Protein backbone atom coordinates (compact mmCIF):
# COMPACT_ATOMS: atom_id res chain seq x y z
CA MET A 1 32.98 12.55 6.80
CA THR A 2 32.74 9.30 8.67
CA HIS A 3 32.90 6.14 6.88
CA ARG A 4 28.99 5.38 7.30
CA GLU A 5 28.51 9.03 5.56
CA LYS A 6 30.85 8.05 2.55
CA LYS A 7 29.30 4.87 1.52
CA PRO A 8 26.14 4.44 -0.43
CA PRO A 9 23.28 4.13 2.34
CA LEU A 10 22.33 0.51 3.08
CA VAL A 11 18.56 0.76 4.24
CA LEU A 12 16.22 -2.17 5.61
CA GLY A 13 12.56 -1.52 4.55
CA LEU A 14 9.91 -2.86 6.32
CA GLU A 15 5.86 -3.10 5.01
CA SER A 16 3.17 -4.12 6.95
CA SER A 17 0.20 -1.56 5.65
CA CYS A 18 -2.30 -4.43 4.84
CA ASP A 19 -2.18 -7.85 4.29
CA GLU A 20 1.67 -8.55 3.42
CA THR A 21 4.40 -8.53 5.46
CA ALA A 22 7.87 -7.41 3.71
CA ALA A 23 11.67 -6.95 4.36
CA ALA A 24 14.12 -5.55 1.77
CA VAL A 25 17.74 -4.33 2.09
CA VAL A 26 18.48 -1.80 -0.53
CA ARG A 27 21.52 -0.15 -1.21
CA ASN A 28 21.93 3.63 -2.58
CA GLY A 29 18.01 3.51 -3.13
CA ARG A 30 18.75 1.56 -6.28
CA GLU A 31 20.16 -1.58 -5.91
CA VAL A 32 17.90 -4.49 -4.35
CA LEU A 33 20.27 -7.02 -2.08
CA SER A 34 17.32 -8.63 -1.03
CA SER A 35 13.35 -8.57 -0.96
CA VAL A 36 11.33 -11.04 1.11
CA ILE A 37 7.20 -11.31 1.18
CA SER A 38 4.87 -13.09 3.15
CA SER A 39 1.50 -13.18 2.06
CA GLN A 40 -1.82 -13.56 3.96
CA VAL A 41 -4.17 -14.04 1.01
CA SER A 42 -4.88 -17.93 2.47
CA LEU A 43 -6.16 -16.25 5.82
CA HIS A 44 -8.32 -13.90 4.53
CA ALA A 45 -9.68 -15.93 1.45
CA ARG A 46 -12.55 -17.49 3.13
CA PHE A 47 -13.73 -14.23 4.23
CA GLY A 48 -13.73 -12.45 1.20
CA GLY A 49 -11.29 -9.46 2.22
CA VAL A 50 -8.77 -8.65 4.78
CA VAL A 51 -9.67 -9.04 8.59
CA PRO A 52 -7.88 -6.10 10.22
CA GLU A 53 -7.00 -8.24 13.45
CA ILE A 54 -6.01 -11.29 11.88
CA ALA A 55 -3.38 -9.17 9.65
CA SER A 56 -2.19 -7.38 12.64
CA ARG A 57 -1.62 -10.95 14.12
CA GLN A 58 0.20 -12.31 11.46
CA HIS A 59 2.45 -9.15 10.70
CA LEU A 60 3.61 -9.94 14.40
CA GLN A 61 4.25 -13.72 13.67
CA ALA A 62 6.10 -12.91 10.39
CA LEU A 63 7.93 -9.84 10.72
CA PHE A 64 11.12 -10.60 12.48
CA PRO A 65 11.65 -14.17 10.60
CA LEU A 66 11.30 -11.86 7.54
CA VAL A 67 13.58 -9.51 8.73
CA SER A 68 16.23 -12.34 9.52
CA ALA A 69 15.67 -13.92 5.91
CA ALA A 70 15.89 -10.58 4.36
CA LEU A 71 19.43 -9.92 6.07
CA ALA A 72 20.75 -13.45 5.03
CA GLU A 73 19.64 -13.08 1.63
CA SER A 74 21.81 -9.89 1.03
CA GLY A 75 24.73 -11.36 2.98
CA VAL A 76 24.81 -7.90 5.22
CA SER A 77 24.28 -7.91 9.06
CA LEU A 78 22.07 -5.39 11.20
CA ARG A 79 25.48 -3.37 12.42
CA ASP A 80 25.96 -2.84 8.58
CA LEU A 81 22.58 -0.80 7.87
CA ASP A 82 22.31 2.80 8.02
CA ALA A 83 18.65 3.18 8.58
CA VAL A 84 15.26 1.37 8.72
CA ALA A 85 12.64 2.76 6.66
CA VAL A 86 8.82 1.55 7.53
CA THR A 87 5.52 2.47 6.26
CA ARG A 88 3.55 4.61 8.44
CA THR A 89 0.63 5.86 6.72
CA PRO A 90 -1.90 4.94 4.92
CA GLY A 91 -3.01 1.55 6.09
CA LEU A 92 -4.73 -0.62 8.85
CA VAL A 93 -3.60 1.14 12.20
CA GLY A 94 -2.92 -1.92 13.82
CA ALA A 95 -0.91 -3.65 10.97
CA LEU A 96 0.99 -0.34 10.59
CA LEU A 97 1.84 -0.31 14.28
CA VAL A 98 3.32 -3.93 14.08
CA GLY A 99 5.95 -2.64 11.65
CA LEU A 100 6.39 0.58 12.86
CA SER A 101 7.44 -0.94 16.50
CA ALA A 102 9.66 -3.09 14.91
CA ALA A 103 11.36 -0.27 13.21
CA LYS A 104 11.83 1.68 15.97
CA ALA A 105 13.02 -1.00 18.39
CA LEU A 106 15.68 -1.94 15.50
CA ALA A 107 16.67 1.72 15.16
CA TYR A 108 17.01 1.93 18.97
CA ALA A 109 18.84 -1.05 19.23
CA LEU A 110 21.40 0.14 16.57
CA ASP A 111 21.68 3.63 17.11
CA ILE A 112 20.66 4.36 13.61
CA PRO A 113 17.56 6.69 11.75
CA VAL A 114 14.06 5.52 11.63
CA VAL A 115 12.08 6.87 8.60
CA GLY A 116 8.55 6.88 8.42
CA VAL A 117 7.42 6.47 4.73
CA ASN A 118 4.10 7.47 3.04
CA HIS A 119 2.64 4.29 1.46
CA LEU A 120 1.82 5.95 -1.67
CA GLN A 121 5.06 7.61 -2.24
CA ALA A 122 6.64 4.46 -1.75
CA HIS A 123 4.54 2.94 -4.63
CA MET A 124 5.37 5.93 -6.70
CA LEU A 125 9.02 5.54 -6.05
CA ALA A 126 9.39 1.95 -6.96
CA VAL A 127 9.83 3.15 -10.37
CA ARG A 128 13.12 4.26 -9.31
CA LEU A 129 14.26 0.32 -9.08
CA LEU A 130 14.32 0.33 -13.13
CA PRO A 131 17.68 0.10 -14.70
CA ASP A 132 16.80 3.43 -16.49
CA PRO A 133 14.05 5.11 -14.09
CA PRO A 134 12.36 8.33 -15.37
CA ASP A 135 13.52 11.87 -14.39
CA PHE A 136 11.38 14.25 -12.22
CA PRO A 137 8.75 15.69 -13.08
CA PHE A 138 6.30 13.06 -14.10
CA LEU A 139 3.05 12.36 -14.20
CA GLY A 140 2.04 9.59 -11.79
CA LEU A 141 -1.15 7.12 -11.67
CA ILE A 142 -1.66 5.03 -8.34
CA VAL A 143 -3.71 2.37 -8.83
CA SER A 144 -4.67 -0.15 -6.00
CA GLY A 145 -7.28 -1.82 -3.93
CA GLY A 146 -7.74 1.25 -1.67
CA HIS A 147 -6.47 4.19 -3.88
CA THR A 148 -7.00 5.39 -7.65
CA ALA A 149 -5.48 8.74 -7.84
CA LEU A 150 -3.57 11.07 -10.39
CA TYR A 151 -0.47 13.17 -9.31
CA ALA A 152 2.02 15.72 -10.82
CA VAL A 153 5.43 14.11 -9.15
CA GLU A 154 7.97 17.57 -9.20
CA ALA A 155 10.54 15.53 -6.91
CA PRO A 156 10.66 12.56 -4.59
CA ASP A 157 8.78 14.63 -1.86
CA ARG A 158 6.37 16.77 -4.01
CA PHE A 159 3.47 15.61 -4.96
CA LYS A 160 0.62 17.73 -6.36
CA ARG A 161 -2.81 15.63 -6.37
CA LEU A 162 -4.60 16.42 -9.68
CA GLY A 163 -7.71 14.04 -9.51
CA ALA A 164 -8.85 11.05 -7.08
CA THR A 165 -11.62 8.54 -7.06
CA ARG A 166 -14.56 9.99 -5.76
CA ASP A 167 -16.02 6.77 -4.22
CA ASP A 168 -14.49 3.40 -4.77
CA ALA A 169 -10.87 2.64 -5.86
CA ALA A 170 -10.51 0.58 -9.35
CA GLY A 171 -9.24 -2.44 -7.35
CA GLU A 172 -12.07 -2.66 -4.91
CA ALA A 173 -14.04 -2.64 -8.11
CA LEU A 174 -12.32 -5.37 -9.43
CA ASP A 175 -12.13 -7.38 -6.41
CA LYS A 176 -15.82 -7.04 -5.47
CA PHE A 177 -16.80 -8.31 -8.84
CA ALA A 178 -14.78 -11.11 -8.66
CA LYS A 179 -16.33 -12.00 -5.25
CA LEU A 180 -19.73 -11.31 -7.04
CA CYS A 181 -18.76 -14.16 -9.55
CA GLY A 182 -17.50 -16.81 -6.96
CA LEU A 183 -13.93 -16.10 -8.32
CA GLY A 184 -12.52 -15.79 -4.67
CA TYR A 185 -9.84 -13.39 -3.33
CA PRO A 186 -8.10 -11.77 -4.17
CA GLY A 187 -9.79 -11.33 -7.38
CA GLY A 188 -8.03 -9.42 -9.97
CA VAL A 189 -5.51 -11.78 -10.88
CA GLU A 190 -8.20 -14.24 -11.89
CA ILE A 191 -10.37 -11.50 -13.66
CA GLU A 192 -7.31 -11.01 -15.91
CA ARG A 193 -6.84 -14.51 -16.19
CA LEU A 194 -10.34 -15.02 -17.53
CA ALA A 195 -10.54 -11.74 -19.63
CA ARG A 196 -7.56 -13.03 -21.88
CA THR A 197 -9.75 -15.23 -23.87
CA GLY A 198 -13.03 -13.00 -23.28
CA ASP A 199 -14.73 -10.30 -25.38
CA PRO A 200 -14.19 -6.94 -23.70
CA ASP A 201 -17.19 -5.63 -25.86
CA ALA A 202 -19.64 -8.13 -24.85
CA VAL A 203 -21.17 -6.22 -22.05
CA ALA A 204 -21.61 -2.51 -22.46
CA PHE A 205 -20.46 -1.75 -18.92
CA PRO A 206 -20.70 2.16 -18.12
CA ARG A 207 -17.62 4.27 -18.18
CA ALA A 208 -17.67 6.40 -15.05
CA LEU A 209 -16.72 10.17 -16.08
CA PRO A 210 -18.10 12.37 -13.64
CA ARG A 211 -17.87 15.85 -15.17
CA LYS A 212 -15.87 15.13 -18.15
CA ASP A 213 -13.63 17.90 -17.32
CA THR A 214 -12.29 16.58 -13.99
CA LEU A 215 -9.68 14.20 -13.46
CA ASP A 216 -11.72 12.81 -10.71
CA PHE A 217 -12.78 9.00 -11.21
CA SER A 218 -15.81 7.10 -10.05
CA PHE A 219 -16.19 3.44 -9.63
CA SER A 220 -19.16 2.79 -7.69
CA GLY A 221 -21.58 2.87 -10.69
CA LEU A 222 -19.57 0.25 -12.40
CA LYS A 223 -19.85 -1.89 -9.42
CA THR A 224 -23.74 -1.62 -9.38
CA ALA A 225 -24.04 -1.95 -12.89
CA ALA A 226 -21.91 -5.23 -13.20
CA ARG A 227 -23.89 -6.88 -9.98
CA GLU A 228 -27.42 -5.94 -11.50
CA HIS A 229 -25.90 -7.77 -14.75
CA VAL A 230 -25.03 -10.82 -13.04
CA ARG A 231 -28.15 -10.64 -10.89
CA SER A 232 -30.48 -10.44 -14.01
CA HIS A 233 -28.28 -12.58 -16.48
CA GLY A 234 -26.45 -14.89 -14.23
CA ALA A 235 -22.42 -15.94 -14.53
CA SER A 236 -22.21 -19.21 -15.60
CA ALA A 237 -18.52 -20.63 -16.72
CA GLU A 238 -19.25 -19.99 -19.95
CA ASP A 239 -20.17 -16.37 -19.57
CA LEU A 240 -17.24 -15.44 -17.04
CA PRO A 241 -14.53 -14.82 -19.80
CA ASP A 242 -16.83 -12.11 -21.47
CA LEU A 243 -17.64 -10.64 -18.04
CA CYS A 244 -14.23 -10.32 -16.67
CA ALA A 245 -13.08 -8.97 -20.33
CA SER A 246 -15.72 -6.32 -20.28
CA LEU A 247 -15.57 -5.41 -16.84
CA GLN A 248 -11.81 -5.08 -16.97
CA GLU A 249 -11.95 -2.85 -20.07
CA ALA A 250 -14.45 -0.47 -18.41
CA VAL A 251 -11.85 -0.02 -15.56
CA VAL A 252 -8.80 0.11 -17.67
CA ASP A 253 -10.79 2.81 -20.43
CA ALA A 254 -11.71 4.79 -17.43
CA LEU A 255 -8.22 5.02 -16.12
CA ALA A 256 -6.89 5.59 -19.73
CA ARG A 257 -9.14 8.48 -20.39
CA LYS A 258 -8.65 10.49 -17.29
CA THR A 259 -4.87 9.83 -17.52
CA ALA A 260 -4.69 11.22 -21.33
CA LEU A 261 -6.72 14.25 -20.06
CA ALA A 262 -4.02 14.83 -17.55
CA LEU A 263 -1.07 14.45 -19.77
CA ARG A 264 -2.63 17.12 -22.16
CA ARG A 265 -3.37 19.52 -19.36
CA THR A 266 -0.06 19.45 -17.94
CA GLY A 267 2.19 18.97 -20.48
CA LEU A 268 4.16 16.13 -18.79
CA THR A 269 6.27 13.99 -21.36
CA ARG A 270 6.53 11.08 -18.97
CA LEU A 271 4.02 8.72 -17.07
CA VAL A 272 4.36 6.18 -14.05
CA LEU A 273 1.70 3.66 -13.50
CA ALA A 274 2.11 2.36 -10.00
CA GLY A 275 0.39 0.56 -7.38
CA GLY A 276 -0.90 -3.12 -7.38
CA VAL A 277 -3.19 -3.05 -10.26
CA ALA A 278 -0.25 -2.12 -12.10
CA ALA A 279 0.37 -5.67 -12.06
CA ASN A 280 -2.49 -6.18 -14.59
CA GLY A 281 -1.32 -6.42 -18.11
CA ARG A 282 -3.92 -5.06 -20.02
CA LEU A 283 -3.72 -1.87 -18.05
CA ARG A 284 0.15 -1.79 -18.68
CA GLU A 285 -0.71 -2.12 -22.38
CA ARG A 286 -3.39 0.42 -22.45
CA MET A 287 -1.17 3.05 -20.92
CA ALA A 288 1.73 2.51 -22.67
CA GLU A 289 -0.91 3.19 -25.68
CA THR A 290 -2.30 6.43 -23.94
CA ALA A 291 1.53 7.59 -23.45
CA ARG A 292 2.36 7.12 -26.85
CA ALA A 293 -0.91 8.72 -28.28
CA ASN A 294 0.01 12.07 -26.15
CA GLY A 295 3.80 12.36 -26.90
CA ALA A 296 4.82 10.99 -23.35
CA GLU A 297 6.91 7.77 -22.58
CA CYS A 298 5.42 5.27 -20.28
CA TYR A 299 7.10 3.65 -17.05
CA VAL A 300 6.00 0.74 -15.01
CA PRO A 301 7.84 -0.70 -11.89
CA ASP A 302 8.21 -4.72 -12.00
CA ARG A 303 5.14 -6.46 -11.56
CA ILE A 304 6.83 -7.74 -8.24
CA HIS A 305 7.60 -3.97 -7.06
CA CYS A 306 3.77 -2.98 -7.91
CA THR A 307 2.02 -5.09 -5.47
CA ASP A 308 3.06 -4.09 -1.96
CA ASN A 309 6.73 -4.69 -0.96
CA ALA A 310 9.34 -3.53 1.00
CA ALA A 311 12.08 -2.58 -1.51
CA MET A 312 9.89 0.31 -2.52
CA VAL A 313 9.83 1.56 0.99
CA ALA A 314 13.55 1.16 1.38
CA VAL A 315 13.81 3.50 -2.05
CA ALA A 316 11.34 5.78 -0.28
CA GLY A 317 13.44 5.91 2.95
CA THR A 318 16.48 6.69 0.97
CA GLU A 319 15.27 9.52 -0.82
CA ALA A 320 14.22 10.94 2.53
CA LEU A 321 17.55 10.44 3.98
CA ARG A 322 19.20 12.24 1.47
CA ARG A 323 17.08 15.25 2.26
CA GLY A 324 18.25 14.82 5.68
CA VAL A 325 14.69 13.53 6.97
CA ALA A 326 14.93 11.28 9.74
CA HIS A 327 12.22 10.70 12.49
CA GLY A 328 12.29 10.17 16.53
CA LEU A 329 10.95 7.28 18.38
CA ASP A 330 7.74 9.41 19.14
CA LEU A 331 7.06 8.49 15.20
CA ASN A 332 3.47 7.30 15.32
CA ALA A 333 1.29 5.77 12.50
CA SER A 334 -1.74 7.03 10.96
CA PRO A 335 -4.25 4.91 9.06
CA SER A 336 -5.19 8.08 6.51
CA GLU A 337 -2.81 10.35 5.49
CA GLU A 338 -2.81 12.78 2.51
CA LEU A 339 0.25 12.61 -0.02
CA ALA A 340 1.91 15.94 -0.49
């Protein structure tokens, strides 16, 4: 064996799927030596959402300075790297191509493998960064601005989708409500802040449970109900805490009910909550309660590893390398690809 094959793999992760540019260096898929993130929130806030062309241009400007910063923080050089892992799907295709092109250029120049990673898989495997991560198999719930789905995760590369949103993602419902109430973008953080002093039972927002025997989700009806309530009753500063608490509780309750059903059906005893909305304190609290009530243990990545980051990409890339998976320079981006 060569020296490179004997030592724990040192992987550079790159993330550029949406509106955050990120780079990280991770050793052995567990030890984060550095993780740097450049947020574009201020650029997109005036538009109330992500503008793909602006996102792509900002990734182009930010990526290589972030790589330099990640290497400097980690104390390693480019020549120390064993592979480059990069998000290739799903996401904004222009944004994905920026990261993918940079990863392939680095891999070619350094003569090391490039590994394309599914963004959702990376979110799920971020739990591997916990000091005591769960063993496989486990039930995984991904909740973000673009995705809401339940998976039976049998191994790092084996995912069986049990249910998903039929329309809007949970995070999108929160962001659209925040925009409706003039809370800015992204709205999830502000909704959570206001909800802390509100009454979650103040407004009887609907719990969307399409066919109670299904594990699918639906949040379009909740969005409509929230919009009609604001149009009819307004959203004054005095009303906002109760409105936010009620809306947040409706989202969390729908997620918890389906997750409980999935735990009972699968018999799995480990639950992993992942994705950007997993940073929400009420959701984390409710999922822990749901797991306990169904004889399971709940695992949630640290908040910094719930939102988009490159450390999780490096973890997924490391797991792929261990299975002998690497990609060529013809690797391409895909805006939408099923996790399987």
